[in-house]
Every structure is written in structure tokens, then in C-alpha cells.
Amino acid sequence: MFIGREMELGFLEDRYQSAGGQLVVIYGRRRVGKTELLRKFCEGKEHLFYSCTESLDAQQLTTFSERMLQKNIPAAKYISCFANWEQALGSVLELPGNGKKLLIIDEFPYMVKGNASIPSILQNLWDAQLKNANVMIVLCGSAMSFIEKEILAEKNPLYGRTTGILKVLPLDFYDSAKFLPSYSMADKIAAYAILGGIPHYLKQFDDGLSLEQNICKSILSRGSILYSEVEFLMRQELRETSTYNMIIEAIALGNTGLNDIYQKTQIDKTKLSAYLKNLRELGIIYREFSVESSVKEQANVQRGLYQLTDNYFRFWYAFVFPNLSELETGDALGIWRYVVQPKLDLFISRIFEDICRQYLRRQNRKNALPFHFTKIGRWWNKTDEIDILAMDNRKQKLLLGECKYKNTPMRKADLEHLQGKMKFAGTTEAYYYLFSKNGYSDDVLAAAQDEHVVAVEFERLLD
């Protein structure tokens, strides 16, 4: 079952229908669904889909040649393997069919690591023949830092040749929820908070089982795919895994400022900054800034909060990694009952804020809000913070949001506290959006009769 990715498929289809040669780069973190996206795009089209392997260059060329020659191109009558990569890649022009010649090269970085001259060979072919031909070549890769530095960056051979670049991101909450249609709203939110928008992870959960059963079976049990997933990815991408584990665990447990991470890990600050930079380049963490922060502030390496990009990494380092010893003995149910379950709502509450922002972005695109905002995020200073702050491009109109993921209704005091935070702003045009897992007290609902106060029904988050 293929879910979502309408925008990405539309982008690829637009490139496919465009005249002339198309050279497209698709990249994103592992497991995000790039290969499934490309296979979906290829349905009904004559194409060659080649998945590179970590092998010697000669073996890669032999395997690519076999796949290409199986398409019964004219050269197949005379040879069993191309003599070089220039001939092999140039043979895309001979693919059968009257439409666009479509070549997909998945995990392209493996091919380049085996032969560093391949980007230059492809550049020469592109400039001499392919850019004006009816061809589309898609280069796909999971090594994001490699793609950005070695393929897309200035001074590299393919710089300026691409006709499209798409970074594939995790699915949003709305598409992720479709993987578990039988779940309640609360369980869909919990599953997204735990697994994020990674299709491979979402497929490990069975909506015929309870959330507890899925967590115990698919995450906390030895031998399950998700139990060892993070360790596998870390070993694949990094060398000093013990050091990186310490840093990521610190962030997952709420130590998000640079000094907080230092205090937790006691890693020398110069080295710590280098480790954090590597994790950012790999897409494992990002730096979060208050929605009103300036460009100058964002350039300061001492500022900003470090957050985990991936929900599952955050869950794994918060609950699995610190309890591996007991989980190795098979105590999945015990860790669930005494470690995970008591803290789960608190863990979900941060992701609930993100889901509420996703809801507002969807409403914004439909022009269903009192004004069209151009910026949205969290806001904070040294003494206060706002879960959601959105503003128009002139900062004359504001939307302030309060998110409560608790088993009690939101109270009037919560609304008044939010309204009191307007003192930082130089505008009187403000709207207050409330989001609550367990509904609202009667006086909040009465206040929501004012057009400037909106109490969003929990179930409507999926509208």
C-alpha cells in the first residue's frame, strides 16, 4: 500500500512531462521512502531502475551493463558488458519506447564511491548529448551530506546541470495517520509521536493491536526490526557511536541548549560543537530558534536549541537506550509499565505541539484562518514561552496557540495566561487558538464565542 507523497509525485511527473533532458536529484535520510516513491512514479512508464550496491567499480559496471542490456537495446547483440561508464551511461538514449527515456539510479553515492570520476563522465555526456535529448535521469541517495557536498555543491561537476532537486522529508501527521486507520485519534497521535513520519517504521505497527501491544512487540522486544534500527543506522553513518549516543541521549532527555548538553556529557566544548555539526549534517538533529529570532542570532553557534529531527530517535534514546540491559533479558512488559507508560503523555506533548502547527499550516493554505500567516513556530525568551506563534509578513496580526496534552480539560486560567503573553508584542490584533486532548471547561467554551478565541475540537485535528 502506497500512502501520500502527492507533492513529490507531482514534482516528478512535471519533470517527466517537460521538454528536453531532465537531470533530477532525489535525496533524504534512510527509510524515508525514496525508493518506494520512485517505484510508484515509474509505474506505467518504460524505464530502467538500477539500485547501486557497495561493490568494486568493475562489478558495479558489470551489473549495470547486465540490467541495461536486458532491455534489448541494439548493443545487446554485440556485447555482454560495456567497456566503460561513458558507454554505459550514454546507452540511456537507446532505451526502448517512443516516450521519454527514463533511468533511475538508486543509491548513486555507492556508484561514485567506487569511481569518483562518474560525476565528471555524466557531466560530459549531459553537456554533449543528453541535455537536449528526450531523457530523464534521476539520481537518488540516502547519504545526505555526500549528496549536498559532493554532488550539488558549487565546483562539483554536476553543479548547475540538475533540472530538479528534491529532498524527501518524513510524512506529516496526516499521511502517517493513514497507516493506522482503525486507531483512535489519541492512538494515532501517540503512534506518530513515537514513530514519526517514516513509512518503514509505521508499517511495523498493526492497528489490530493496542498501542501497548505494538510498543512491546515491535520496539521493546529483542529481534524486532525497530529494537535494533537506531543502532544499525548509527553504526552505518558514524564511527564514534558511543560518544554520539551520549550526545543524542542527552538531547532526547531534554538537554537542548549547548551548555546543557555539555553539562550532561562533559565533552570538551570544541569537540562537542564538531560532533553536533556532524549530527546536523546527517539530518539527525537540527537547531531550533524562536520564531522571531534574527539572522544574526541564528548565525551564533552558542544560540538555539538542539532538537532531534526524528521522532523515533527521540523515543528510542529516551526509553530504549537507557534500559537496554533489562530489555536484553526480555522484560519488555516491565519497561512498558514502569518506564514508558508513566511518561508517555509528557513525551507526546511536545509532538502534539508540532501536530497543532501542522493543522494550522493546512488551514492557512486553505485560507481558513482569520489572516494568512507567513511565519509560524515556537516563541520563547529568558522568562516565558508560547507553544505556537504565527504572524503575517508585517507582524501586524498574530496567532497565539496553547497546546495541552493532558487528561483534564483546558481551563479558563490557561487562556488568560496565554492572553497575558501579548505584552511582548506591539500589536493589538491577536487571535488565540486552543488545542486540548481532553476538551475545555465551560468558561473556555463561553470565551470561544468571541471570534478572536478558537477552541479546536480534538477530533477535528484530522479534518
Protein backbone atom coordinates (compact mmCIF):
# COMPACT_ATOMS: atom_id res chain seq x y z
CA MET A 1 0.00 0.00 0.00
CA PHE A 2 1.44 3.36 -1.07
CA ILE A 3 0.35 6.37 1.02
CA GLY A 4 0.83 10.10 0.48
CA ARG A 5 3.63 11.80 -1.45
CA GLU A 6 1.24 13.63 -3.80
CA MET A 7 3.51 16.68 -3.97
CA GLU A 8 6.62 14.61 -4.67
CA LEU A 9 4.88 12.54 -7.35
CA GLY A 10 3.54 15.74 -8.91
CA PHE A 11 7.04 17.20 -8.99
CA LEU A 12 8.49 14.12 -10.71
CA GLU A 13 5.63 13.92 -13.17
CA ASP A 14 6.10 17.58 -14.07
CA ARG A 15 9.78 16.94 -14.80
CA TYR A 16 8.86 13.87 -16.85
CA GLN A 17 6.39 15.83 -18.98
CA SER A 18 8.79 18.74 -19.53
CA ALA A 19 10.57 19.05 -22.85
CA GLY A 20 14.28 18.32 -23.22
CA GLY A 21 16.62 16.43 -20.95
CA GLN A 22 15.88 16.24 -17.25
CA LEU A 23 18.52 15.53 -14.59
CA VAL A 24 16.87 15.23 -11.19
CA VAL A 25 18.45 14.58 -7.79
CA ILE A 26 16.31 12.98 -5.08
CA TYR A 27 17.77 12.56 -1.60
CA GLY A 28 16.75 12.09 2.01
CA ARG A 29 17.52 10.09 5.12
CA ARG A 30 17.39 6.31 5.12
CA ARG A 31 13.96 4.64 5.45
CA VAL A 32 12.12 7.82 4.45
CA GLY A 33 10.58 6.10 1.41
CA LYS A 34 12.62 7.39 -1.54
CA THR A 35 12.77 4.04 -3.34
CA GLU A 36 9.05 3.39 -2.94
CA LEU A 37 8.35 6.91 -4.21
CA LEU A 38 10.44 6.33 -7.33
CA ARG A 39 8.92 2.91 -7.99
CA LYS A 40 5.46 4.44 -7.71
CA PHE A 41 6.48 7.18 -10.14
CA CYS A 42 7.78 4.60 -12.62
CA GLU A 43 4.51 2.64 -12.74
CA GLY A 44 3.17 2.57 -16.30
CA LYS A 45 6.36 4.09 -17.75
CA GLU A 46 9.06 2.34 -19.74
CA HIS A 47 12.13 2.70 -17.57
CA LEU A 48 15.31 1.20 -16.13
CA PHE A 49 15.56 1.16 -12.34
CA TYR A 50 19.07 0.39 -11.15
CA SER A 51 19.95 0.05 -7.45
CA CYS A 52 23.66 0.54 -6.77
CA THR A 53 25.49 -1.70 -4.33
CA GLU A 54 28.57 -1.21 -2.20
CA SER A 55 30.90 -3.03 -4.59
CA LEU A 56 34.06 -2.54 -6.60
CA ASP A 57 33.75 -0.34 -9.67
CA ALA A 58 34.27 -3.21 -12.13
CA GLN A 59 31.46 -5.21 -10.52
CA GLN A 60 29.17 -2.18 -10.50
CA LEU A 61 29.78 -1.61 -14.19
CA THR A 62 29.15 -5.29 -14.97
CA THR A 63 25.86 -5.32 -13.04
CA PHE A 64 24.68 -2.03 -14.56
CA SER A 65 25.58 -3.33 -18.02
CA GLU A 66 23.56 -6.51 -17.46
CA ARG A 67 20.49 -4.52 -16.42
CA MET A 68 20.80 -2.15 -19.37
CA LEU A 69 21.43 -4.89 -21.93
CA GLN A 70 18.40 -6.83 -20.66
CA LYS A 71 16.33 -4.00 -22.14
CA ASN A 72 17.26 -5.37 -25.61
CA ILE A 73 18.99 -2.20 -26.71
CA PRO A 74 20.93 -2.54 -30.03
CA ALA A 75 24.27 -3.01 -28.23
CA ALA A 76 22.94 -6.21 -26.63
CA LYS A 77 23.50 -8.01 -29.94
CA TYR A 78 27.24 -7.43 -29.80
CA ILE A 79 28.46 -7.11 -26.21
CA SER A 80 27.85 -8.58 -22.75
CA CYS A 81 29.35 -5.66 -20.83
CA PHE A 82 30.12 -2.03 -21.66
CA ALA A 83 33.79 -1.15 -21.85
CA ASN A 84 33.44 1.93 -19.64
CA TRP A 85 30.96 4.14 -17.84
CA GLU A 86 30.74 6.65 -20.67
CA GLN A 87 29.30 3.97 -22.96
CA ALA A 88 27.14 2.51 -20.17
CA LEU A 89 25.51 5.78 -19.14
CA GLY A 90 25.26 7.03 -22.71
CA SER A 91 23.22 3.95 -23.61
CA VAL A 92 20.20 5.56 -21.91
CA LEU A 93 19.50 7.04 -25.35
CA GLU A 94 18.89 3.54 -26.68
CA LEU A 95 16.23 2.51 -24.16
CA PRO A 96 13.08 1.24 -25.88
CA GLY A 97 9.84 3.16 -26.23
CA ASN A 98 8.70 6.29 -28.03
CA GLY A 99 8.39 8.45 -24.91
CA LYS A 100 10.96 9.86 -22.56
CA LYS A 101 13.88 7.55 -21.80
CA LEU A 102 13.75 7.13 -18.04
CA LEU A 103 16.74 5.98 -15.99
CA ILE A 104 16.61 5.78 -12.19
CA ILE A 105 19.90 5.24 -10.33
CA ASP A 106 19.14 4.48 -6.69
CA GLU A 107 21.86 4.94 -4.02
CA PHE A 108 24.00 6.83 -6.53
CA PRO A 109 26.66 7.65 -3.86
CA TYR A 110 27.69 3.96 -3.85
CA MET A 111 28.48 4.25 -7.56
CA VAL A 112 30.52 7.41 -7.03
CA LYS A 113 32.44 5.99 -4.08
CA GLY A 114 33.53 3.14 -6.33
CA ASN A 115 34.57 5.51 -9.10
CA ALA A 116 35.00 9.20 -8.27
CA SER A 117 35.12 10.16 -11.96
CA ILE A 118 31.47 9.20 -12.64
CA PRO A 119 30.05 12.71 -11.96
CA SER A 120 32.56 14.14 -14.49
CA ILE A 121 31.66 11.43 -17.03
CA LEU A 122 27.96 12.19 -16.56
CA GLN A 123 28.64 15.92 -16.84
CA ASN A 124 30.39 15.48 -20.19
CA LEU A 125 27.61 13.25 -21.50
CA TRP A 126 24.99 15.71 -20.31
CA ASP A 127 26.62 18.73 -21.92
CA ALA A 128 27.38 16.94 -25.20
CA GLN A 129 24.25 14.81 -25.76
CA LEU A 130 21.74 14.30 -23.01
CA LYS A 131 20.58 17.80 -22.04
CA ASN A 132 18.82 18.25 -25.38
CA ALA A 133 17.61 14.63 -25.67
CA ASN A 134 14.26 13.22 -24.60
CA VAL A 135 15.68 11.60 -21.46
CA MET A 136 15.15 11.82 -17.72
CA ILE A 137 17.83 10.63 -15.33
CA VAL A 138 17.05 10.51 -11.61
CA LEU A 139 19.97 10.21 -9.18
CA CYS A 140 18.85 9.11 -5.72
CA GLY A 141 20.80 8.80 -2.47
CA SER A 142 20.50 8.43 1.29
CA ALA A 143 23.91 9.86 2.19
CA MET A 144 22.59 13.40 2.56
CA SER A 145 25.88 15.05 3.45
CA PHE A 146 27.58 13.33 0.48
CA ILE A 147 24.82 14.43 -1.92
CA GLU A 148 24.92 18.03 -0.73
CA LYS A 149 28.72 18.34 -0.62
CA GLU A 150 29.92 16.07 -3.43
CA ILE A 151 27.08 16.27 -5.97
CA LEU A 152 25.17 19.51 -5.53
CA ALA A 153 27.78 21.91 -4.17
CA GLU A 154 29.49 24.52 -6.30
CA LYS A 155 32.72 23.43 -8.10
CA ASN A 156 31.48 19.84 -8.40
CA PRO A 157 31.00 18.51 -11.96
CA LEU A 158 27.18 18.28 -11.85
CA TYR A 159 26.70 21.71 -10.28
CA GLY A 160 24.26 23.73 -12.38
CA ARG A 161 23.27 20.75 -14.55
CA THR A 162 20.35 19.50 -12.49
CA THR A 163 16.84 20.46 -13.60
CA GLY A 164 15.28 19.48 -10.30
CA ILE A 165 16.40 18.80 -6.72
CA LEU A 166 14.03 17.27 -4.17
CA LYS A 167 14.79 16.47 -0.56
CA VAL A 168 12.31 13.80 0.58
CA LEU A 169 11.11 14.52 4.10
CA PRO A 170 9.22 12.29 6.54
CA LEU A 171 5.45 12.16 6.08
CA ASP A 172 3.37 14.61 8.06
CA PHE A 173 0.90 13.53 10.73
CA TYR A 174 -1.99 13.41 8.27
CA ASP A 175 -0.42 10.89 5.91
CA SER A 176 1.15 8.96 8.80
CA ALA A 177 -2.26 8.50 10.42
CA LYS A 178 -3.48 6.69 7.28
CA PHE A 179 -1.19 3.76 8.10
CA LEU A 180 -3.29 3.03 11.19
CA PRO A 181 -6.89 3.72 10.12
CA SER A 182 -8.52 1.74 12.96
CA TYR A 183 -6.73 3.64 15.71
CA SER A 184 -8.44 6.31 17.79
CA MET A 185 -7.33 9.92 17.42
CA ALA A 186 -5.26 9.71 20.61
CA ASP A 187 -3.53 6.50 19.48
CA LYS A 188 -2.79 7.96 16.03
CA ILE A 189 -1.14 10.93 17.70
CA ALA A 190 0.80 8.62 20.04
CA ALA A 191 1.97 6.41 17.16
CA TYR A 192 3.13 9.46 15.20
CA ALA A 193 4.91 10.86 18.27
CA ILE A 194 6.75 7.54 18.66
CA LEU A 195 7.42 6.55 15.04
CA GLY A 196 7.38 9.86 13.21
CA GLY A 197 6.60 10.01 9.51
CA ILE A 198 8.91 7.19 8.38
CA PRO A 199 6.84 4.70 6.32
CA HIS A 200 9.12 1.77 7.15
CA TYR A 201 8.55 2.34 10.87
CA LEU A 202 4.80 2.93 10.57
CA LYS A 203 4.42 -0.38 8.77
CA GLN A 204 5.78 -2.22 11.82
CA PHE A 205 2.66 -1.29 13.81
CA ASP A 206 -0.56 -3.28 13.40
CA ASP A 207 -3.73 -1.29 14.10
CA GLY A 208 -5.39 -4.56 15.06
CA LEU A 209 -3.22 -4.49 18.20
CA SER A 210 -3.30 -1.95 21.02
CA LEU A 211 -0.66 0.74 21.31
CA GLU A 212 0.83 -1.11 24.29
CA GLN A 213 1.00 -4.39 22.35
CA ASN A 214 2.66 -2.70 19.37
CA ILE A 215 5.26 -0.95 21.50
CA CYS A 216 6.12 -4.11 23.40
CA LYS A 217 6.16 -6.33 20.32
CA SER A 218 7.76 -4.06 17.70
CA ILE A 219 10.05 -1.81 19.77
CA LEU A 220 10.86 -3.25 23.19
CA SER A 221 11.36 -6.89 22.16
CA ARG A 222 14.73 -8.25 21.10
CA GLY A 223 14.74 -9.37 17.48
CA SER A 224 12.13 -6.87 16.32
CA ILE A 225 13.15 -4.56 13.48
CA LEU A 226 12.71 -1.34 15.45
CA TYR A 227 14.56 -2.62 18.50
CA SER A 228 17.93 -2.51 16.72
CA GLU A 229 17.10 0.03 14.00
CA VAL A 230 18.76 3.05 15.60
CA GLU A 231 21.96 1.17 16.44
CA PHE A 232 22.12 -0.12 12.86
CA LEU A 233 21.76 3.38 11.39
CA MET A 234 24.28 4.89 13.79
CA ARG A 235 26.93 2.28 13.02
CA GLN A 236 26.32 2.78 9.32
CA GLU A 237 26.77 6.55 9.45
CA LEU A 238 29.22 7.21 12.31
CA ARG A 239 32.39 5.82 13.88
CA GLU A 240 32.45 7.03 17.49
CA THR A 241 28.99 5.70 18.20
CA SER A 242 29.39 5.66 22.00
CA THR A 243 30.12 9.39 22.04
CA TYR A 244 27.27 10.21 19.68
CA ASN A 245 24.92 8.00 21.71
CA MET A 246 25.76 10.05 24.79
CA ILE A 247 25.02 13.32 22.99
CA ILE A 248 21.77 12.17 21.40
CA GLU A 249 20.53 10.67 24.67
CA ALA A 250 21.19 13.99 26.41
CA ILE A 251 19.12 15.85 23.79
CA ALA A 252 16.33 13.24 23.89
CA LEU A 253 16.08 13.71 27.66
CA GLY A 254 15.55 17.47 27.29
CA ASN A 255 19.08 18.89 27.43
CA THR A 256 18.76 21.03 24.30
CA GLY A 257 20.98 24.06 24.91
CA LEU A 258 24.69 23.82 24.09
CA ASN A 259 25.67 24.34 27.72
CA ASP A 260 23.02 21.84 28.89
CA ILE A 261 24.46 19.19 26.57
CA TYR A 262 27.96 19.97 27.81
CA GLN A 263 26.88 19.70 31.45
CA LYS A 264 25.22 16.34 30.76
CA THR A 265 28.01 14.80 28.67
CA GLN A 266 31.15 16.63 29.93
CA ILE A 267 32.56 16.51 26.40
CA ASP A 268 35.04 19.30 25.64
CA LYS A 269 33.02 22.16 24.09
CA THR A 270 35.20 22.42 20.98
CA LYS A 271 34.82 18.71 20.28
CA LEU A 272 31.13 18.84 21.23
CA SER A 273 30.47 21.52 18.61
CA ALA A 274 32.14 19.33 15.97
CA TYR A 275 30.05 16.31 16.98
CA LEU A 276 26.87 18.39 16.87
CA LYS A 277 27.83 19.72 13.43
CA ASN A 278 28.22 16.15 12.15
CA LEU A 279 24.82 15.16 13.55
CA ARG A 280 23.23 18.18 11.87
CA GLU A 281 24.80 17.32 8.52
CA LEU A 282 23.41 13.79 8.82
CA GLY A 283 19.94 15.19 9.48
CA ILE A 284 19.73 13.58 12.93
CA ILE A 285 19.43 16.89 14.82
CA TYR A 286 18.62 20.49 13.96
CA ARG A 287 18.92 23.84 15.70
CA GLU A 288 15.62 25.40 16.71
CA PHE A 289 15.26 29.16 17.15
CA SER A 290 12.44 31.27 18.47
CA VAL A 291 10.13 32.23 15.61
CA GLU A 292 11.17 35.89 15.88
CA SER A 293 14.94 35.30 16.01
CA SER A 294 17.14 37.33 13.69
CA VAL A 295 19.56 36.07 11.07
CA LYS A 296 22.40 37.36 13.24
CA GLU A 297 21.17 35.33 16.21
CA GLN A 298 20.88 32.18 14.11
CA ALA A 299 24.49 32.61 12.96
CA ASN A 300 25.69 32.50 16.57
CA VAL A 301 26.83 28.93 17.32
CA GLN A 302 26.12 29.46 21.02
CA ARG A 303 22.43 30.18 20.44
CA GLY A 304 19.49 27.99 19.52
CA LEU A 305 18.24 24.71 20.90
CA TYR A 306 19.32 21.34 19.55
CA GLN A 307 16.38 19.07 18.78
CA LEU A 308 16.15 15.58 17.31
CA THR A 309 14.78 15.60 13.79
CA ASP A 310 13.36 12.10 14.02
CA ASN A 311 10.57 11.18 16.46
CA TYR A 312 11.68 7.57 16.70
CA PHE A 313 15.26 8.52 17.55
CA ARG A 314 13.81 10.66 20.34
CA PHE A 315 11.68 7.78 21.66
CA TRP A 316 14.46 5.20 21.36
CA TYR A 317 17.03 7.31 23.21
CA ALA A 318 14.51 8.35 25.87
CA PHE A 319 13.16 4.87 26.65
CA VAL A 320 15.04 2.05 24.90
CA PHE A 321 18.70 3.03 25.08
CA PRO A 322 18.77 3.70 28.87
CA ASN A 323 17.03 0.35 29.53
CA LEU A 324 18.84 -1.97 27.12
CA SER A 325 20.19 -4.14 29.92
CA GLU A 326 16.72 -5.09 31.14
CA LEU A 327 15.29 -5.32 27.63
CA GLU A 328 18.04 -7.76 26.70
CA THR A 329 16.69 -10.07 29.41
CA GLY A 330 13.21 -9.94 27.85
CA ASP A 331 11.50 -7.55 30.27
CA ALA A 332 9.58 -5.63 27.58
CA LEU A 333 6.33 -5.55 29.57
CA GLY A 334 8.05 -4.31 32.72
CA ILE A 335 9.81 -1.46 30.89
CA TRP A 336 6.48 -0.51 29.29
CA ARG A 337 4.56 -0.45 32.58
CA TYR A 338 7.12 1.24 34.83
CA VAL A 339 9.21 3.36 32.43
CA VAL A 340 7.35 4.17 29.21
CA GLN A 341 3.67 4.35 30.17
CA PRO A 342 4.03 6.79 33.13
CA LYS A 343 5.96 9.29 30.96
CA LEU A 344 4.29 8.74 27.60
CA ASP A 345 1.82 11.65 27.69
CA LEU A 346 4.62 14.05 28.63
CA PHE A 347 6.72 12.65 25.77
CA ILE A 348 3.81 13.04 23.33
CA SER A 349 3.02 16.60 24.43
CA ARG A 350 5.98 18.09 22.52
CA ILE A 351 4.98 16.33 19.30
CA PHE A 352 1.35 17.33 19.90
CA GLU A 353 2.51 20.95 19.54
CA ASP A 354 4.03 20.08 16.16
CA ILE A 355 0.79 18.38 15.05
CA CYS A 356 -1.15 21.50 16.01
CA ARG A 357 1.23 23.61 13.90
CA GLN A 358 0.70 21.19 11.00
CA TYR A 359 -3.06 21.67 11.43
CA LEU A 360 -2.68 25.46 11.30
CA ARG A 361 -0.47 25.25 8.21
CA ARG A 362 -3.15 23.22 6.43
CA GLN A 363 -5.83 25.72 7.47
CA ASN A 364 -3.55 28.55 6.33
CA ARG A 365 -3.15 27.03 2.86
CA LYS A 366 -6.94 26.80 2.61
CA ASN A 367 -7.30 30.45 3.74
CA ALA A 368 -9.44 29.20 6.62
CA LEU A 369 -7.79 31.36 9.30
CA PRO A 370 -8.55 34.99 10.23
CA PHE A 371 -5.43 36.09 8.34
CA HIS A 372 -2.71 34.45 6.23
CA PHE A 373 0.44 33.96 8.24
CA THR A 374 3.90 33.82 6.68
CA LYS A 375 5.81 32.55 9.72
CA ILE A 376 4.97 30.04 12.45
CA GLY A 377 6.88 28.32 15.22
CA ARG A 378 7.58 28.35 18.94
CA TRP A 379 8.45 31.59 20.71
CA TRP A 380 10.49 31.99 23.86
CA ASN A 381 12.68 34.39 25.77
CA LYS A 382 14.52 34.09 29.09
CA THR A 383 11.33 34.09 31.17
CA ASP A 384 8.42 32.93 29.04
CA GLU A 385 7.41 30.86 26.05
CA ILE A 386 4.49 30.35 23.66
CA ASP A 387 3.70 26.94 22.15
CA ILE A 388 2.65 28.43 18.81
CA LEU A 389 3.17 31.91 17.41
CA ALA A 390 2.18 32.76 13.84
CA MET A 391 2.35 36.19 12.23
CA ASP A 392 1.65 37.93 8.95
CA ASN A 393 4.53 39.35 6.94
CA ARG A 394 4.13 42.82 8.52
CA LYS A 395 3.85 41.43 12.07
CA GLN A 396 0.62 43.36 12.49
CA LYS A 397 -1.52 40.29 13.13
CA LEU A 398 -0.65 37.44 15.47
CA LEU A 399 -2.00 33.99 16.22
CA LEU A 400 -1.05 32.56 19.60
CA GLY A 401 -1.61 28.89 20.32
CA GLU A 402 -1.76 26.90 23.55
CA CYS A 403 -1.45 23.09 23.42
CA LYS A 404 -2.41 20.84 26.35
CA TYR A 405 -1.94 17.08 26.09
CA LYS A 406 -3.42 16.15 29.45
CA ASN A 407 -6.31 14.06 30.76
CA THR A 408 -8.06 17.13 32.19
CA PRO A 409 -9.96 19.85 30.29
CA MET A 410 -8.22 23.12 29.45
CA ARG A 411 -9.23 25.79 31.97
CA LYS A 412 -10.01 29.50 31.64
CA ALA A 413 -6.77 30.23 33.51
CA ASP A 414 -4.83 28.65 30.61
CA LEU A 415 -6.49 31.01 28.14
CA GLU A 416 -5.92 34.04 30.36
CA HIS A 417 -2.28 33.06 30.81
CA LEU A 418 -1.90 32.90 27.02
CA GLN A 419 -3.61 36.26 26.58
CA GLY A 420 -1.24 37.75 29.15
CA LYS A 421 1.71 36.87 26.93
CA MET A 422 0.64 39.51 24.40
CA LYS A 423 2.64 42.08 26.35
CA PHE A 424 5.76 41.30 24.30
CA ALA A 425 4.08 42.28 21.01
CA GLY A 426 3.50 45.74 19.60
CA THR A 427 0.10 44.92 18.11
CA THR A 428 -3.45 44.62 19.41
CA GLU A 429 -4.66 42.33 16.60
CA ALA A 430 -4.36 38.88 18.10
CA TYR A 431 -6.19 35.57 17.82
CA TYR A 432 -5.97 32.74 20.33
CA TYR A 433 -6.15 29.11 19.21
CA LEU A 434 -6.54 26.44 21.87
CA PHE A 435 -5.76 22.74 21.45
CA SER A 436 -6.62 20.24 24.16
CA LYS A 437 -6.58 16.44 24.31
CA ASN A 438 -9.42 16.33 26.83
CA GLY A 439 -11.68 19.20 25.80
CA TYR A 440 -12.40 22.51 27.51
CA SER A 441 -14.10 23.78 30.63
CA ASP A 442 -17.46 25.54 30.19
CA ASP A 443 -15.97 29.00 30.75
CA VAL A 444 -13.39 28.39 28.00
CA LEU A 445 -16.18 27.36 25.61
CA ALA A 446 -18.07 30.51 26.59
CA ALA A 447 -14.97 32.62 25.87
CA ALA A 448 -14.66 30.91 22.49
CA GLN A 449 -17.87 32.66 21.38
CA ASP A 450 -15.57 35.61 20.72
CA GLU A 451 -14.24 35.42 17.16
CA HIS A 452 -10.72 36.03 18.48
CA VAL A 453 -10.74 32.82 20.55
CA VAL A 454 -10.94 29.40 18.87
CA ALA A 455 -11.14 26.15 20.85
CA VAL A 456 -10.26 23.45 18.30
CA GLU A 457 -12.03 20.15 18.88
CA PHE A 458 -9.56 17.31 19.37
CA GLU A 459 -11.10 15.11 16.69
CA ARG A 460 -11.08 17.99 14.18
CA LEU A 461 -7.30 17.93 14.03
CA LEU A 462 -7.68 15.29 11.32
CA ASP A 463 -10.24 17.26 9.27
